Amino acid sequence: MSTILALSGSPSRDSRTALLVEQAIIRLSATGYDADHLVVRELPAADLLAGRADAPRLRDALDQVAAADGLIVATPVYKASYSGLLKAFLDLLPQAGLAGKTVLPLVTGGSIAHVLSLDYALRPVLAALGARHVVNGCFLLDKSIERQPDGTVRLVPEAELRLFDVLDDFINALPLTTALDSTAVPLL
């Protein structure tokens, strides 16, 4: 089964983007995928801003990206583009750092006026990093993502359906894995 890593690039502790990623991971895990969440804001800021890709925590994060078959790249919109925090992390990847990977971009924003940032800001950088396939992403308004008093996340029904649709497309676009276990009969 493919391994999936979700990056959330919001600098905010109360990030709706991170909440959206949590919902995506819950959905992917329920369908049997091994999905992890890398919160970029939790990486050492000094190393990240100085571009120290060899720093231990950054090296581990970059290794996680390299090991994943599929990547979810999630960001809030700031100044009509993806976050500077996400940009700092993506800049640490090698030129072909997403080669062979299927990528799902997720973007959150306060206004529908920012919907084009998905295709005109985020998608080009993902393609420039050599992604095998950047599937159709999803833009959701901040107000459609709510943290409930009990800590759970609620998406308005339309937003939840849109998220599930793009996750299904993402799953269908992931590369097939052909690992044989010890009980499998080898093909001749």
N, C-alpha and C. Protein backbone atom coordinates (compact mmCIF):
# COMPACT_ATOMS: atom_id res chain seq x y z
N MET A 1 0.85 -1.18 0.00
CA MET A 1 0.00 0.00 0.00
C MET A 1 0.89 1.24 0.00
N SER A 2 0.47 2.25 -0.67
CA SER A 2 1.23 3.50 -0.76
C SER A 2 1.30 4.21 0.58
N THR A 3 2.43 4.88 0.82
CA THR A 3 2.56 5.70 2.01
C THR A 3 2.29 7.14 1.63
N ILE A 4 1.62 7.84 2.52
CA ILE A 4 1.21 9.21 2.25
C ILE A 4 1.70 10.11 3.36
N LEU A 5 2.27 11.24 2.97
CA LEU A 5 2.68 12.27 3.92
C LEU A 5 1.91 13.53 3.62
N ALA A 6 1.34 14.12 4.66
CA ALA A 6 0.64 15.39 4.51
C ALA A 6 1.47 16.48 5.16
N LEU A 7 1.76 17.52 4.40
CA LEU A 7 2.46 18.70 4.90
C LEU A 7 1.44 19.79 5.15
N SER A 8 1.47 20.39 6.33
CA SER A 8 0.63 21.57 6.52
C SER A 8 1.55 22.74 6.79
N GLY A 9 1.38 23.79 5.99
CA GLY A 9 2.29 24.92 6.00
C GLY A 9 1.75 26.17 6.63
N SER A 10 0.91 26.04 7.63
CA SER A 10 0.39 27.22 8.31
C SER A 10 1.25 27.55 9.52
N PRO A 11 1.57 28.82 9.72
CA PRO A 11 2.32 29.20 10.92
C PRO A 11 1.44 29.31 12.18
N SER A 12 0.15 29.21 12.02
CA SER A 12 -0.78 29.41 13.14
C SER A 12 -0.99 28.13 13.96
N ARG A 13 -1.00 28.28 15.28
CA ARG A 13 -1.29 27.15 16.17
C ARG A 13 -2.75 26.72 16.03
N ASP A 14 -3.64 27.64 15.74
CA ASP A 14 -5.07 27.35 15.58
C ASP A 14 -5.43 27.22 14.10
N SER A 15 -4.60 26.57 13.36
CA SER A 15 -4.71 26.50 11.91
C SER A 15 -5.89 25.66 11.43
N ARG A 16 -6.72 26.28 10.63
CA ARG A 16 -7.79 25.53 9.98
C ARG A 16 -7.22 24.62 8.90
N THR A 17 -6.09 25.02 8.34
CA THR A 17 -5.42 24.19 7.34
C THR A 17 -5.00 22.86 7.97
N ALA A 18 -4.40 22.91 9.17
CA ALA A 18 -4.00 21.69 9.86
C ALA A 18 -5.22 20.84 10.22
N LEU A 19 -6.33 21.49 10.57
CA LEU A 19 -7.56 20.75 10.87
C LEU A 19 -8.06 20.02 9.62
N LEU A 20 -7.96 20.69 8.48
CA LEU A 20 -8.36 20.06 7.22
C LEU A 20 -7.48 18.84 6.92
N VAL A 21 -6.18 18.99 7.15
CA VAL A 21 -5.26 17.87 6.94
C VAL A 21 -5.61 16.72 7.87
N GLU A 22 -5.95 17.01 9.12
CA GLU A 22 -6.34 15.96 10.05
C GLU A 22 -7.54 15.19 9.52
N GLN A 23 -8.51 15.90 8.95
CA GLN A 23 -9.68 15.23 8.37
C GLN A 23 -9.27 14.34 7.19
N ALA A 24 -8.36 14.83 6.38
CA ALA A 24 -7.88 14.03 5.24
C ALA A 24 -7.18 12.78 5.73
N ILE A 25 -6.37 12.89 6.76
CA ILE A 25 -5.65 11.73 7.29
C ILE A 25 -6.62 10.71 7.89
N ILE A 26 -7.61 11.19 8.59
CA ILE A 26 -8.63 10.28 9.14
C ILE A 26 -9.29 9.50 8.02
N ARG A 27 -9.66 10.18 6.97
CA ARG A 27 -10.32 9.53 5.81
C ARG A 27 -9.37 8.53 5.15
N LEU A 28 -8.11 8.91 4.94
CA LEU A 28 -7.15 8.02 4.30
C LEU A 28 -6.86 6.81 5.19
N SER A 29 -6.72 7.02 6.48
CA SER A 29 -6.45 5.92 7.41
C SER A 29 -7.62 4.95 7.46
N ALA A 30 -8.83 5.47 7.37
CA ALA A 30 -10.02 4.61 7.37
C ALA A 30 -10.08 3.72 6.13
N THR A 31 -9.43 4.14 5.06
CA THR A 31 -9.42 3.32 3.84
C THR A 31 -8.16 2.47 3.75
N GLY A 32 -7.37 2.42 4.84
CA GLY A 32 -6.24 1.52 4.90
C GLY A 32 -4.89 2.09 4.54
N TYR A 33 -4.81 3.38 4.31
CA TYR A 33 -3.53 3.99 3.96
C TYR A 33 -2.74 4.38 5.20
N ASP A 34 -1.42 4.28 5.08
CA ASP A 34 -0.51 4.74 6.11
C ASP A 34 -0.26 6.22 5.82
N ALA A 35 -0.87 7.09 6.61
CA ALA A 35 -0.77 8.54 6.36
C ALA A 35 -0.23 9.24 7.61
N ASP A 36 0.79 10.05 7.41
CA ASP A 36 1.39 10.83 8.49
C ASP A 36 1.23 12.32 8.20
N HIS A 37 1.33 13.11 9.27
CA HIS A 37 1.16 14.57 9.17
C HIS A 37 2.46 15.24 9.61
N LEU A 38 3.04 16.01 8.73
CA LEU A 38 4.22 16.82 9.05
C LEU A 38 3.77 18.27 9.14
N VAL A 39 3.80 18.81 10.35
CA VAL A 39 3.41 20.20 10.59
C VAL A 39 4.69 21.03 10.47
N VAL A 40 4.82 21.78 9.40
CA VAL A 40 6.06 22.49 9.11
C VAL A 40 6.40 23.49 10.21
N ARG A 41 5.40 24.11 10.84
CA ARG A 41 5.66 25.10 11.89
C ARG A 41 6.34 24.49 13.10
N GLU A 42 6.32 23.17 13.24
CA GLU A 42 6.97 22.51 14.37
C GLU A 42 8.44 22.20 14.12
N LEU A 43 8.91 22.48 12.91
CA LEU A 43 10.34 22.30 12.61
C LEU A 43 11.13 23.48 13.19
N PRO A 44 12.41 23.30 13.48
CA PRO A 44 13.21 24.40 14.05
C PRO A 44 13.28 25.60 13.09
N ALA A 45 12.74 26.71 13.53
CA ALA A 45 12.64 27.90 12.68
C ALA A 45 14.00 28.40 12.21
N ALA A 46 14.98 28.43 13.09
CA ALA A 46 16.30 28.95 12.72
C ALA A 46 16.92 28.10 11.60
N ASP A 47 16.80 26.77 11.72
CA ASP A 47 17.34 25.89 10.69
C ASP A 47 16.57 26.04 9.38
N LEU A 48 15.25 26.14 9.50
CA LEU A 48 14.41 26.27 8.32
C LEU A 48 14.72 27.56 7.56
N LEU A 49 14.78 28.67 8.27
CA LEU A 49 15.03 29.95 7.62
C LEU A 49 16.45 30.08 7.08
N ALA A 50 17.39 29.38 7.71
CA ALA A 50 18.77 29.41 7.23
C ALA A 50 19.02 28.38 6.13
N GLY A 51 18.00 27.57 5.83
CA GLY A 51 18.14 26.57 4.77
C GLY A 51 19.10 25.44 5.13
N ARG A 52 19.16 25.10 6.42
CA ARG A 52 20.07 24.04 6.88
C ARG A 52 19.43 22.66 6.70
N ALA A 53 19.42 22.18 5.46
CA ALA A 53 18.80 20.90 5.14
C ALA A 53 19.48 19.74 5.85
N ASP A 54 20.70 19.95 6.31
CA ASP A 54 21.42 18.88 7.01
C ASP A 54 21.16 18.87 8.51
N ALA A 55 20.40 19.82 9.03
CA ALA A 55 20.04 19.82 10.45
C ALA A 55 19.18 18.58 10.72
N PRO A 56 19.37 17.91 11.84
CA PRO A 56 18.71 16.62 12.08
C PRO A 56 17.19 16.61 11.88
N ARG A 57 16.46 17.55 12.46
CA ARG A 57 14.99 17.54 12.31
C ARG A 57 14.57 17.83 10.87
N LEU A 58 15.29 18.73 10.20
CA LEU A 58 14.96 19.00 8.80
C LEU A 58 15.31 17.81 7.92
N ARG A 59 16.46 17.18 8.19
CA ARG A 59 16.86 15.99 7.42
C ARG A 59 15.81 14.90 7.55
N ASP A 60 15.30 14.69 8.79
CA ASP A 60 14.24 13.70 9.00
C ASP A 60 12.99 14.04 8.20
N ALA A 61 12.60 15.32 8.21
CA ALA A 61 11.41 15.75 7.47
C ALA A 61 11.60 15.55 5.96
N LEU A 62 12.77 15.90 5.47
CA LEU A 62 13.04 15.72 4.04
C LEU A 62 13.08 14.24 3.67
N ASP A 63 13.57 13.41 4.57
CA ASP A 63 13.57 11.96 4.34
C ASP A 63 12.14 11.42 4.30
N GLN A 64 11.26 11.97 5.13
CA GLN A 64 9.85 11.57 5.10
C GLN A 64 9.23 11.89 3.74
N VAL A 65 9.54 13.07 3.22
CA VAL A 65 9.03 13.44 1.90
C VAL A 65 9.56 12.47 0.85
N ALA A 66 10.85 12.18 0.91
CA ALA A 66 11.46 11.28 -0.07
C ALA A 66 10.86 9.88 -0.03
N ALA A 67 10.48 9.41 1.16
CA ALA A 67 9.96 8.06 1.31
C ALA A 67 8.49 7.91 0.93
N ALA A 68 7.76 9.01 0.87
CA ALA A 68 6.32 8.95 0.60
C ALA A 68 6.04 8.71 -0.89
N ASP A 69 4.99 7.94 -1.14
CA ASP A 69 4.51 7.74 -2.52
C ASP A 69 3.59 8.90 -2.93
N GLY A 70 2.83 9.36 -1.97
CA GLY A 70 1.89 10.45 -2.21
C GLY A 70 2.08 11.53 -1.18
N LEU A 71 1.82 12.75 -1.60
CA LEU A 71 2.03 13.91 -0.73
C LEU A 71 0.80 14.81 -0.80
N ILE A 72 0.32 15.20 0.36
CA ILE A 72 -0.70 16.24 0.45
C ILE A 72 0.02 17.49 0.89
N VAL A 73 -0.13 18.56 0.13
CA VAL A 73 0.52 19.82 0.46
C VAL A 73 -0.59 20.83 0.75
N ALA A 74 -0.69 21.22 2.02
CA ALA A 74 -1.78 22.08 2.46
C ALA A 74 -1.24 23.40 2.98
N THR A 75 -1.93 24.47 2.62
CA THR A 75 -1.49 25.80 3.01
C THR A 75 -2.67 26.76 3.10
N PRO A 76 -2.58 27.73 3.99
CA PRO A 76 -3.52 28.85 3.93
C PRO A 76 -3.03 29.82 2.85
N VAL A 77 -3.93 30.67 2.40
CA VAL A 77 -3.56 31.71 1.45
C VAL A 77 -3.13 32.94 2.22
N TYR A 78 -1.93 33.42 1.91
CA TYR A 78 -1.43 34.69 2.44
C TYR A 78 -0.98 35.53 1.27
N LYS A 79 -1.51 36.72 1.15
CA LYS A 79 -1.12 37.64 0.07
C LYS A 79 -1.22 36.96 -1.30
N ALA A 80 -2.34 36.26 -1.52
CA ALA A 80 -2.67 35.62 -2.79
C ALA A 80 -1.76 34.46 -3.17
N SER A 81 -1.07 33.86 -2.19
CA SER A 81 -0.19 32.74 -2.49
C SER A 81 -0.12 31.79 -1.29
N TYR A 82 0.68 30.76 -1.41
CA TYR A 82 0.88 29.83 -0.31
C TYR A 82 1.76 30.50 0.74
N SER A 83 1.81 29.91 1.93
CA SER A 83 2.52 30.55 3.04
C SER A 83 4.03 30.57 2.83
N GLY A 84 4.67 31.57 3.40
CA GLY A 84 6.13 31.66 3.35
C GLY A 84 6.77 30.50 4.10
N LEU A 85 6.11 30.01 5.13
CA LEU A 85 6.61 28.87 5.88
C LEU A 85 6.70 27.64 4.97
N LEU A 86 5.64 27.40 4.20
CA LEU A 86 5.67 26.29 3.26
C LEU A 86 6.74 26.51 2.20
N LYS A 87 6.88 27.72 1.72
CA LYS A 87 7.90 28.04 0.72
C LYS A 87 9.30 27.74 1.26
N ALA A 88 9.56 28.12 2.51
CA ALA A 88 10.88 27.86 3.10
C ALA A 88 11.17 26.36 3.12
N PHE A 89 10.16 25.55 3.43
CA PHE A 89 10.37 24.11 3.45
C PHE A 89 10.55 23.54 2.04
N LEU A 90 9.69 23.95 1.12
CA LEU A 90 9.79 23.44 -0.25
C LEU A 90 11.13 23.82 -0.88
N ASP A 91 11.68 24.96 -0.50
CA ASP A 91 12.98 25.38 -1.02
C ASP A 91 14.12 24.45 -0.60
N LEU A 92 13.92 23.68 0.46
CA LEU A 92 14.94 22.74 0.92
C LEU A 92 14.96 21.45 0.10
N LEU A 93 13.88 21.18 -0.62
CA LEU A 93 13.83 19.97 -1.43
C LEU A 93 14.77 20.08 -2.62
N PRO A 94 15.36 18.96 -3.04
CA PRO A 94 16.17 19.01 -4.26
C PRO A 94 15.29 19.36 -5.46
N GLN A 95 15.91 19.73 -6.57
CA GLN A 95 15.16 20.17 -7.76
C GLN A 95 14.10 19.15 -8.18
N ALA A 96 14.40 17.87 -8.08
CA ALA A 96 13.44 16.82 -8.44
C ALA A 96 12.91 16.14 -7.18
N GLY A 97 12.72 16.90 -6.12
CA GLY A 97 12.33 16.36 -4.82
C GLY A 97 10.97 15.71 -4.77
N LEU A 98 10.13 15.96 -5.77
CA LEU A 98 8.81 15.33 -5.80
C LEU A 98 8.69 14.35 -6.96
N ALA A 99 9.80 14.02 -7.58
CA ALA A 99 9.78 13.09 -8.73
C ALA A 99 9.14 11.77 -8.32
N GLY A 100 8.25 11.28 -9.16
CA GLY A 100 7.58 10.01 -8.93
C GLY A 100 6.43 10.07 -7.96
N LYS A 101 6.13 11.24 -7.42
CA LYS A 101 5.09 11.35 -6.41
C LYS A 101 3.79 11.91 -6.98
N THR A 102 2.71 11.43 -6.41
CA THR A 102 1.39 12.00 -6.68
C THR A 102 1.15 13.03 -5.59
N VAL A 103 0.70 14.22 -5.97
CA VAL A 103 0.55 15.31 -5.01
C VAL A 103 -0.87 15.87 -5.07
N LEU A 104 -1.44 16.07 -3.89
CA LEU A 104 -2.76 16.69 -3.74
C LEU A 104 -2.58 18.03 -3.04
N PRO A 105 -2.82 19.14 -3.74
CA PRO A 105 -2.77 20.45 -3.07
C PRO A 105 -4.11 20.78 -2.40
N LEU A 106 -4.02 21.23 -1.16
CA LEU A 106 -5.20 21.70 -0.42
C LEU A 106 -4.91 23.13 0.04
N VAL A 107 -5.88 24.02 -0.17
CA VAL A 107 -5.69 25.42 0.17
C VAL A 107 -6.91 25.91 0.94
N THR A 108 -6.64 26.68 1.99
CA THR A 108 -7.71 27.31 2.75
C THR A 108 -7.55 28.82 2.66
N GLY A 109 -8.67 29.51 2.71
CA GLY A 109 -8.61 30.96 2.64
C GLY A 109 -9.89 31.60 3.15
N GLY A 110 -9.80 32.88 3.42
CA GLY A 110 -10.92 33.61 3.97
C GLY A 110 -11.91 34.11 2.94
N SER A 111 -11.53 34.08 1.67
CA SER A 111 -12.39 34.63 0.62
C SER A 111 -12.26 33.80 -0.65
N ILE A 112 -13.34 33.65 -1.33
CA ILE A 112 -13.35 32.92 -2.60
C ILE A 112 -12.46 33.63 -3.64
N ALA A 113 -12.13 34.88 -3.38
CA ALA A 113 -11.25 35.63 -4.29
C ALA A 113 -9.87 35.00 -4.38
N HIS A 114 -9.51 34.13 -3.43
CA HIS A 114 -8.19 33.50 -3.42
C HIS A 114 -8.16 32.11 -4.05
N VAL A 115 -9.26 31.69 -4.64
CA VAL A 115 -9.34 30.33 -5.17
C VAL A 115 -8.28 30.07 -6.26
N LEU A 116 -7.91 31.08 -7.02
CA LEU A 116 -6.94 30.87 -8.09
C LEU A 116 -5.52 30.64 -7.59
N SER A 117 -5.27 30.93 -6.31
CA SER A 117 -3.94 30.69 -5.76
C SER A 117 -3.56 29.22 -5.84
N LEU A 118 -4.55 28.37 -5.83
CA LEU A 118 -4.30 26.93 -5.95
C LEU A 118 -3.59 26.61 -7.27
N ASP A 119 -4.13 27.10 -8.37
CA ASP A 119 -3.58 26.77 -9.69
C ASP A 119 -2.48 27.71 -10.16
N TYR A 120 -2.47 28.95 -9.68
CA TYR A 120 -1.49 29.91 -10.18
C TYR A 120 -0.31 30.16 -9.25
N ALA A 121 -0.39 29.65 -8.02
CA ALA A 121 0.73 29.82 -7.09
C ALA A 121 1.29 28.46 -6.65
N LEU A 122 0.42 27.59 -6.12
CA LEU A 122 0.91 26.34 -5.54
C LEU A 122 1.22 25.28 -6.60
N ARG A 123 0.33 25.07 -7.53
CA ARG A 123 0.53 24.01 -8.53
C ARG A 123 1.83 24.19 -9.32
N PRO A 124 2.20 25.39 -9.75
CA PRO A 124 3.46 25.52 -10.51
C PRO A 124 4.70 25.11 -9.72
N VAL A 125 4.76 25.42 -8.42
CA VAL A 125 5.95 25.03 -7.65
C VAL A 125 5.99 23.52 -7.46
N LEU A 126 4.84 22.89 -7.30
CA LEU A 126 4.80 21.43 -7.16
C LEU A 126 5.25 20.76 -8.46
N ALA A 127 4.82 21.29 -9.58
CA ALA A 127 5.26 20.76 -10.88
C ALA A 127 6.74 21.01 -11.09
N ALA A 128 7.23 22.17 -10.69
CA ALA A 128 8.66 22.49 -10.86
C ALA A 128 9.54 21.55 -10.04
N LEU A 129 9.00 21.00 -8.96
CA LEU A 129 9.75 20.05 -8.14
C LEU A 129 9.65 18.62 -8.67
N GLY A 130 9.05 18.48 -9.85
CA GLY A 130 9.06 17.20 -10.55
C GLY A 130 7.97 16.23 -10.18
N ALA A 131 6.89 16.68 -9.55
CA ALA A 131 5.81 15.76 -9.18
C ALA A 131 5.37 14.94 -10.40
N ARG A 132 5.15 13.65 -10.17
CA ARG A 132 4.69 12.77 -11.24
C ARG A 132 3.30 13.20 -11.70
N HIS A 133 2.46 13.53 -10.73
CA HIS A 133 1.10 13.94 -11.05
C HIS A 133 0.59 14.84 -9.93
N VAL A 134 0.15 16.04 -10.27
CA VAL A 134 -0.50 16.93 -9.32
C VAL A 134 -1.99 16.85 -9.64
N VAL A 135 -2.74 16.17 -8.77
CA VAL A 135 -4.17 15.99 -9.01
C VAL A 135 -4.90 17.30 -8.75
N ASN A 136 -6.15 17.35 -9.20
CA ASN A 136 -6.96 18.53 -8.93
C ASN A 136 -7.03 18.74 -7.43
N GLY A 137 -6.74 19.94 -7.01
CA GLY A 137 -6.74 20.26 -5.60
C GLY A 137 -8.09 20.71 -5.11
N CYS A 138 -8.07 21.23 -3.91
CA CYS A 138 -9.31 21.68 -3.28
C CYS A 138 -9.04 22.97 -2.51
N PHE A 139 -9.87 23.97 -2.75
CA PHE A 139 -9.84 25.22 -2.00
C PHE A 139 -11.08 25.24 -1.12
N LEU A 140 -10.88 25.44 0.18
CA LEU A 140 -12.01 25.54 1.09
C LEU A 140 -11.93 26.84 1.88
N LEU A 141 -13.07 27.45 2.07
CA LEU A 141 -13.14 28.65 2.89
C LEU A 141 -12.92 28.30 4.35
N ASP A 142 -12.20 29.18 5.05
CA ASP A 142 -11.94 28.97 6.48
C ASP A 142 -13.22 28.69 7.25
N LYS A 143 -14.28 29.41 6.91
CA LYS A 143 -15.52 29.28 7.68
C LYS A 143 -16.20 27.92 7.49
N SER A 144 -15.72 27.11 6.55
CA SER A 144 -16.31 25.78 6.35
C SER A 144 -15.62 24.72 7.20
N ILE A 145 -14.61 25.14 7.98
CA ILE A 145 -13.84 24.22 8.83
C ILE A 145 -13.96 24.71 10.27
N GLU A 146 -14.54 23.88 11.14
CA GLU A 146 -14.78 24.31 12.52
C GLU A 146 -14.23 23.29 13.51
N ARG A 147 -13.54 23.77 14.53
CA ARG A 147 -13.15 22.90 15.65
C ARG A 147 -14.30 22.93 16.64
N GLN A 148 -14.78 21.75 17.01
CA GLN A 148 -15.88 21.62 17.95
C GLN A 148 -15.36 21.73 19.39
N PRO A 149 -16.22 22.04 20.34
CA PRO A 149 -15.79 22.15 21.74
C PRO A 149 -15.09 20.89 22.27
N ASP A 150 -15.45 19.73 21.75
CA ASP A 150 -14.82 18.48 22.21
C ASP A 150 -13.49 18.19 21.51
N GLY A 151 -13.05 19.13 20.66
CA GLY A 151 -11.77 18.97 19.97
C GLY A 151 -11.86 18.34 18.59
N THR A 152 -13.01 17.76 18.26
CA THR A 152 -13.17 17.17 16.94
C THR A 152 -13.33 18.28 15.90
N VAL A 153 -13.23 17.90 14.64
CA VAL A 153 -13.34 18.86 13.54
C VAL A 153 -14.64 18.59 12.79
N ARG A 154 -15.29 19.65 12.41
CA ARG A 154 -16.49 19.54 11.59
C ARG A 154 -16.30 20.36 10.34
N LEU A 155 -16.53 19.73 9.20
CA LEU A 155 -16.56 20.45 7.93
C LEU A 155 -18.02 20.61 7.55
N VAL A 156 -18.38 21.76 6.99
CA VAL A 156 -19.74 21.89 6.50
C VAL A 156 -19.93 20.81 5.44
N PRO A 157 -21.16 20.30 5.28
CA PRO A 157 -21.37 19.14 4.40
C PRO A 157 -20.80 19.30 2.98
N GLU A 158 -20.97 20.45 2.37
CA GLU A 158 -20.45 20.65 1.01
C GLU A 158 -18.92 20.55 0.98
N ALA A 159 -18.27 21.12 1.98
CA ALA A 159 -16.81 21.07 2.06
C ALA A 159 -16.33 19.64 2.29
N GLU A 160 -17.03 18.91 3.14
CA GLU A 160 -16.66 17.51 3.39
C GLU A 160 -16.76 16.69 2.11
N LEU A 161 -17.83 16.88 1.35
CA LEU A 161 -17.98 16.15 0.08
C LEU A 161 -16.88 16.51 -0.90
N ARG A 162 -16.54 17.79 -0.97
CA ARG A 162 -15.45 18.20 -1.88
C ARG A 162 -14.13 17.58 -1.46
N LEU A 163 -13.84 17.57 -0.15
CA LEU A 163 -12.62 16.94 0.34
C LEU A 163 -12.60 15.46 -0.01
N PHE A 164 -13.71 14.76 0.24
CA PHE A 164 -13.76 13.33 -0.06
C PHE A 164 -13.57 13.06 -1.55
N ASP A 165 -14.14 13.90 -2.39
CA ASP A 165 -13.98 13.73 -3.84
C ASP A 165 -12.52 13.86 -4.27
N VAL A 166 -11.82 14.89 -3.76
CA VAL A 166 -10.42 15.05 -4.17
C VAL A 166 -9.55 13.97 -3.56
N LEU A 167 -9.89 13.49 -2.37
CA LEU A 167 -9.13 12.38 -1.78
C LEU A 167 -9.31 11.11 -2.61
N ASP A 168 -10.53 10.87 -3.10
CA ASP A 168 -10.75 9.71 -3.96
C ASP A 168 -9.92 9.82 -5.24
N ASP A 169 -9.89 11.00 -5.83
CA ASP A 169 -9.08 11.21 -7.04
C ASP A 169 -7.59 11.00 -6.74
N PHE A 170 -7.16 11.49 -5.59
CA PHE A 170 -5.77 11.33 -5.16
C PHE A 170 -5.42 9.85 -5.00
N ILE A 171 -6.27 9.12 -4.30
CA ILE A 171 -6.05 7.68 -4.10
C ILE A 171 -5.96 6.95 -5.44
N ASN A 172 -6.86 7.28 -6.35
CA ASN A 172 -6.87 6.63 -7.66
C ASN A 172 -5.64 6.96 -8.49
N ALA A 173 -4.99 8.07 -8.20
CA ALA A 173 -3.81 8.48 -8.96
C ALA A 173 -2.50 8.00 -8.35
N LEU A 174 -2.56 7.45 -7.13
CA LEU A 174 -1.34 6.97 -6.49
C LEU A 174 -0.73 5.83 -7.30
N PRO A 175 0.60 5.74 -7.29
CA PRO A 175 1.24 4.63 -8.01
C PRO A 175 0.88 3.30 -7.36
N LEU A 176 0.72 2.29 -8.18
CA LEU A 176 0.44 0.96 -7.66
C LEU A 176 1.70 0.40 -7.03
N THR A 177 1.52 -0.26 -5.89
CA THR A 177 2.66 -0.94 -5.27
C THR A 177 2.51 -2.43 -5.51
N THR A 178 3.62 -3.10 -5.68
CA THR A 178 3.58 -4.52 -6.01
C THR A 178 4.38 -5.35 -5.03
N ALA A 179 4.39 -4.94 -3.78
CA ALA A 179 5.14 -5.68 -2.78
C ALA A 179 4.50 -7.04 -2.55
N LEU A 180 5.33 -8.10 -2.55
CA LEU A 180 4.85 -9.45 -2.27
C LEU A 180 5.12 -9.76 -0.81
N ASP A 181 4.12 -10.34 -0.14
CA ASP A 181 4.39 -10.78 1.23
C ASP A 181 4.78 -12.25 1.20
N SER A 182 5.07 -12.82 2.35
CA SER A 182 5.59 -14.18 2.40
C SER A 182 4.57 -15.23 1.99
N THR A 183 3.28 -14.88 1.95
CA THR A 183 2.27 -15.86 1.56
C THR A 183 1.90 -15.74 0.11
N ALA A 184 2.41 -14.77 -0.58
CA ALA A 184 2.05 -14.57 -1.98
C ALA A 184 2.74 -15.61 -2.86
N VAL A 185 2.05 -15.98 -3.90
CA VAL A 185 2.61 -16.90 -4.86
C VAL A 185 3.27 -16.07 -5.96
N PRO A 186 4.57 -16.28 -6.21
CA PRO A 186 5.24 -15.47 -7.24
C PRO A 186 4.66 -15.75 -8.62
N LEU A 187 4.57 -14.71 -9.40
CA LEU A 187 4.12 -14.84 -10.79
C LEU A 187 5.26 -15.35 -11.64
N LEU A 188 5.00 -16.29 -12.52
CA LEU A 188 6.04 -16.84 -13.40
C LEU A 188 5.97 -16.22 -14.77
